Structures are given as C-alpha cells and as structure tokens.
Amino acid sequence: MQLERYGEHSSLQASLQPFYSTGSQGGGQETTPLTAITQLVHHGMIFVPIGYTFGAGMFEMEQVKGGSPYGAGTYAGTAQDSLLR
C-alpha cells in the first residue's frame, strides 16, 4: 500500500473506548486511560471524550463506582455484588 505516500490515510477513522480496571478507589481510573490516550494521539488519532454522561448519579456516594469521562472502568478485587454492577 502506498497510502502514506499520498497522505490518503488521513481519512481513515478508528474508534477506541478504553476499558480499564483498578484495585481500589483512587487507584488510577483516570490516569490509566489518559496515559494510553497520549500514545494514540502521538500517532495522529483525534480523541473525543464522551464526558460525564452519568448525570446526578455520579454524586451518589453509597457505593464505589468505576469509570471516568475518558472511558469505562471497574474495580477489581473482593466486593459484594450490587445492582449497579
């Protein structure tokens, strides 16, 4: 392929939604995808975050929740199952 020669690869699109897991609250759920995103942007990918889409539910503190505006996340380890998971 000679796509690179003519710059035609600039119209190719890709989709990435990082998924990650950490062992504790504050264990890097936002740092992990941000580190991965910088590598992809370095290679020319344009990253458009989904933002905070959970609304007022993100302020409920009864349960530990995973996720960030950069992608989907979960907590690993021993925990009781809940309907939120």
C-alpha atoms as a PDB file:
ATOM      1  CA  MET A   1       0.000   0.000   0.000  1.00  0.00           C
ATOM      2  CA  GLN A   2       1.155   3.470  -0.749  1.00  0.00           C
ATOM      3  CA  LEU A   3      -1.355   5.329   1.395  1.00  0.00           C
ATOM      4  CA  GLU A   4       1.406   7.029   3.365  1.00  0.00           C
ATOM      5  CA  ARG A   5       2.960   8.347   0.185  1.00  0.00           C
ATOM      6  CA  TYR A   6      -0.080  10.387  -0.794  1.00  0.00           C
ATOM      7  CA  GLY A   7      -1.446  11.170   2.666  1.00  0.00           C
ATOM      8  CA  GLU A   8      -4.659   9.265   1.980  1.00  0.00           C
ATOM      9  CA  HIS A   9      -4.535   7.560   5.353  1.00  0.00           C
ATOM     10  CA  SER A  10      -5.685  10.804   6.977  1.00  0.00           C
ATOM     11  CA  SER A  11      -9.295   9.982   6.068  1.00  0.00           C
ATOM     12  CA  LEU A  12      -9.255   6.612   7.837  1.00  0.00           C
ATOM     13  CA  GLN A  13     -11.266   6.518  11.046  1.00  0.00           C
ATOM     14  CA  ALA A  14     -10.911   4.448  14.168  1.00  0.00           C
ATOM     15  CA  SER A  15     -12.933   4.164  17.325  1.00  0.00           C
ATOM     16  CA  LEU A  16     -11.487   3.475  20.741  1.00  0.00           C
ATOM     17  CA  GLN A  17     -13.206   3.378  24.078  1.00  0.00           C
ATOM     18  CA  PRO A  18     -10.627   2.439  26.701  1.00  0.00           C
ATOM     19  CA  PHE A  19     -11.733  -0.070  29.332  1.00  0.00           C
ATOM     20  CA  TYR A  20      -9.681  -0.470  32.483  1.00  0.00           C
ATOM     21  CA  SER A  21      -9.772  -1.978  35.936  1.00  0.00           C
ATOM     22  CA  THR A  22      -8.106  -0.869  39.155  1.00  0.00           C
ATOM     23  CA  GLY A  23      -7.922  -2.407  42.587  1.00  0.00           C
ATOM     24  CA  SER A  24      -9.180   0.495  44.693  1.00  0.00           C
ATOM     25  CA  GLN A  25     -10.968   3.810  44.598  1.00  0.00           C
ATOM     26  CA  GLY A  26      -8.393   6.388  43.564  1.00  0.00           C
ATOM     27  CA  GLY A  27      -6.251   3.598  42.118  1.00  0.00           C
ATOM     28  CA  GLY A  28      -5.670   5.271  38.767  1.00  0.00           C
ATOM     29  CA  GLN A  29      -9.005   5.067  36.959  1.00  0.00           C
ATOM     30  CA  GLU A  30      -8.382   8.409  35.254  1.00  0.00           C
ATOM     31  CA  THR A  31      -4.597   8.221  34.965  1.00  0.00           C
ATOM     32  CA  THR A  32      -4.644   4.865  33.156  1.00  0.00           C
ATOM     33  CA  PRO A  33      -6.686   5.947  30.099  1.00  0.00           C
ATOM     34  CA  LEU A  34      -5.007   9.360  29.936  1.00  0.00           C
ATOM     35  CA  THR A  35      -1.628   7.661  29.629  1.00  0.00           C
ATOM     36  CA  ALA A  36      -2.905   5.380  26.845  1.00  0.00           C
ATOM     37  CA  ILE A  37      -4.594   8.246  25.004  1.00  0.00           C
ATOM     38  CA  THR A  38      -1.355  10.232  24.735  1.00  0.00           C
ATOM     39  CA  GLN A  39       0.241   7.350  22.827  1.00  0.00           C
ATOM     40  CA  LEU A  40      -2.632   7.219  20.336  1.00  0.00           C
ATOM     41  CA  VAL A  41      -2.722  10.996  19.845  1.00  0.00           C
ATOM     42  CA  HIS A  42       1.026  10.895  19.174  1.00  0.00           C
ATOM     43  CA  HIS A  43       0.268   8.671  16.172  1.00  0.00           C
ATOM     44  CA  GLY A  44      -2.337  11.083  14.809  1.00  0.00           C
ATOM     45  CA  MET A  45      -5.565   9.835  16.356  1.00  0.00           C
ATOM     46  CA  ILE A  46      -8.019  12.522  17.421  1.00  0.00           C
ATOM     47  CA  PHE A  47      -9.543  11.730  20.809  1.00  0.00           C
ATOM     48  CA  VAL A  48     -13.053  12.978  21.562  1.00  0.00           C
ATOM     49  CA  PRO A  49     -14.062  12.035  25.137  1.00  0.00           C
ATOM     50  CA  ILE A  50     -17.628  11.069  25.943  1.00  0.00           C
ATOM     51  CA  GLY A  51     -17.615  13.299  29.015  1.00  0.00           C
ATOM     52  CA  TYR A  52     -19.612  12.806  32.182  1.00  0.00           C
ATOM     53  CA  THR A  53     -22.786  11.110  30.953  1.00  0.00           C
ATOM     54  CA  PHE A  54     -23.978   9.649  34.250  1.00  0.00           C
ATOM     55  CA  GLY A  55     -25.700  12.855  35.377  1.00  0.00           C
ATOM     56  CA  ALA A  56     -26.558  13.373  39.027  1.00  0.00           C
ATOM     57  CA  GLY A  57     -25.895   9.684  39.753  1.00  0.00           C
ATOM     58  CA  MET A  58     -22.153  10.291  39.786  1.00  0.00           C
ATOM     59  CA  PHE A  59     -22.530  12.225  43.042  1.00  0.00           C
ATOM     60  CA  GLU A  60     -24.154   9.336  44.930  1.00  0.00           C
ATOM     61  CA  MET A  61     -21.629   8.046  47.453  1.00  0.00           C
ATOM     62  CA  GLU A  62     -23.421   4.970  48.819  1.00  0.00           C
ATOM     63  CA  GLN A  63     -21.371   2.637  46.601  1.00  0.00           C
ATOM     64  CA  VAL A  64     -17.973   2.695  44.957  1.00  0.00           C
ATOM     65  CA  LYS A  65     -18.374   3.130  41.201  1.00  0.00           C
ATOM     66  CA  GLY A  66     -15.963   2.683  38.338  1.00  0.00           C
ATOM     67  CA  GLY A  67     -15.486   4.812  35.273  1.00  0.00           C
ATOM     68  CA  SER A  68     -14.429   8.274  34.231  1.00  0.00           C
ATOM     69  CA  PRO A  69     -15.117  10.667  31.355  1.00  0.00           C
ATOM     70  CA  TYR A  70     -12.244   9.006  29.462  1.00  0.00           C
ATOM     71  CA  GLY A  71     -13.712   5.512  29.277  1.00  0.00           C
ATOM     72  CA  ALA A  72     -15.409   2.644  31.054  1.00  0.00           C
ATOM     73  CA  GLY A  73     -13.875   1.202  34.194  1.00  0.00           C
ATOM     74  CA  THR A  74     -14.470  -1.187  37.037  1.00  0.00           C
ATOM     75  CA  TYR A  75     -12.940  -2.140  40.365  1.00  0.00           C
ATOM     76  CA  ALA A  76     -11.232  -5.495  40.746  1.00  0.00           C
ATOM     77  CA  GLY A  77     -10.997  -7.476  43.925  1.00  0.00           C
ATOM     78  CA  THR A  78     -13.397  -8.696  46.545  1.00  0.00           C
ATOM     79  CA  ALA A  79     -16.616  -6.764  46.843  1.00  0.00           C
ATOM     80  CA  GLN A  80     -20.243  -7.574  47.314  1.00  0.00           C
ATOM     81  CA  ASP A  81     -22.271  -7.655  44.128  1.00  0.00           C
ATOM     82  CA  SER A  82     -24.824  -4.923  43.652  1.00  0.00           C
ATOM     83  CA  LEU A  83     -27.428  -3.950  41.075  1.00  0.00           C
ATOM     84  CA  LEU A  84     -25.139  -1.120  39.966  1.00  0.00           C
ATOM     85  CA  ARG A  85     -22.604  -3.578  38.577  1.00  0.00           C
END
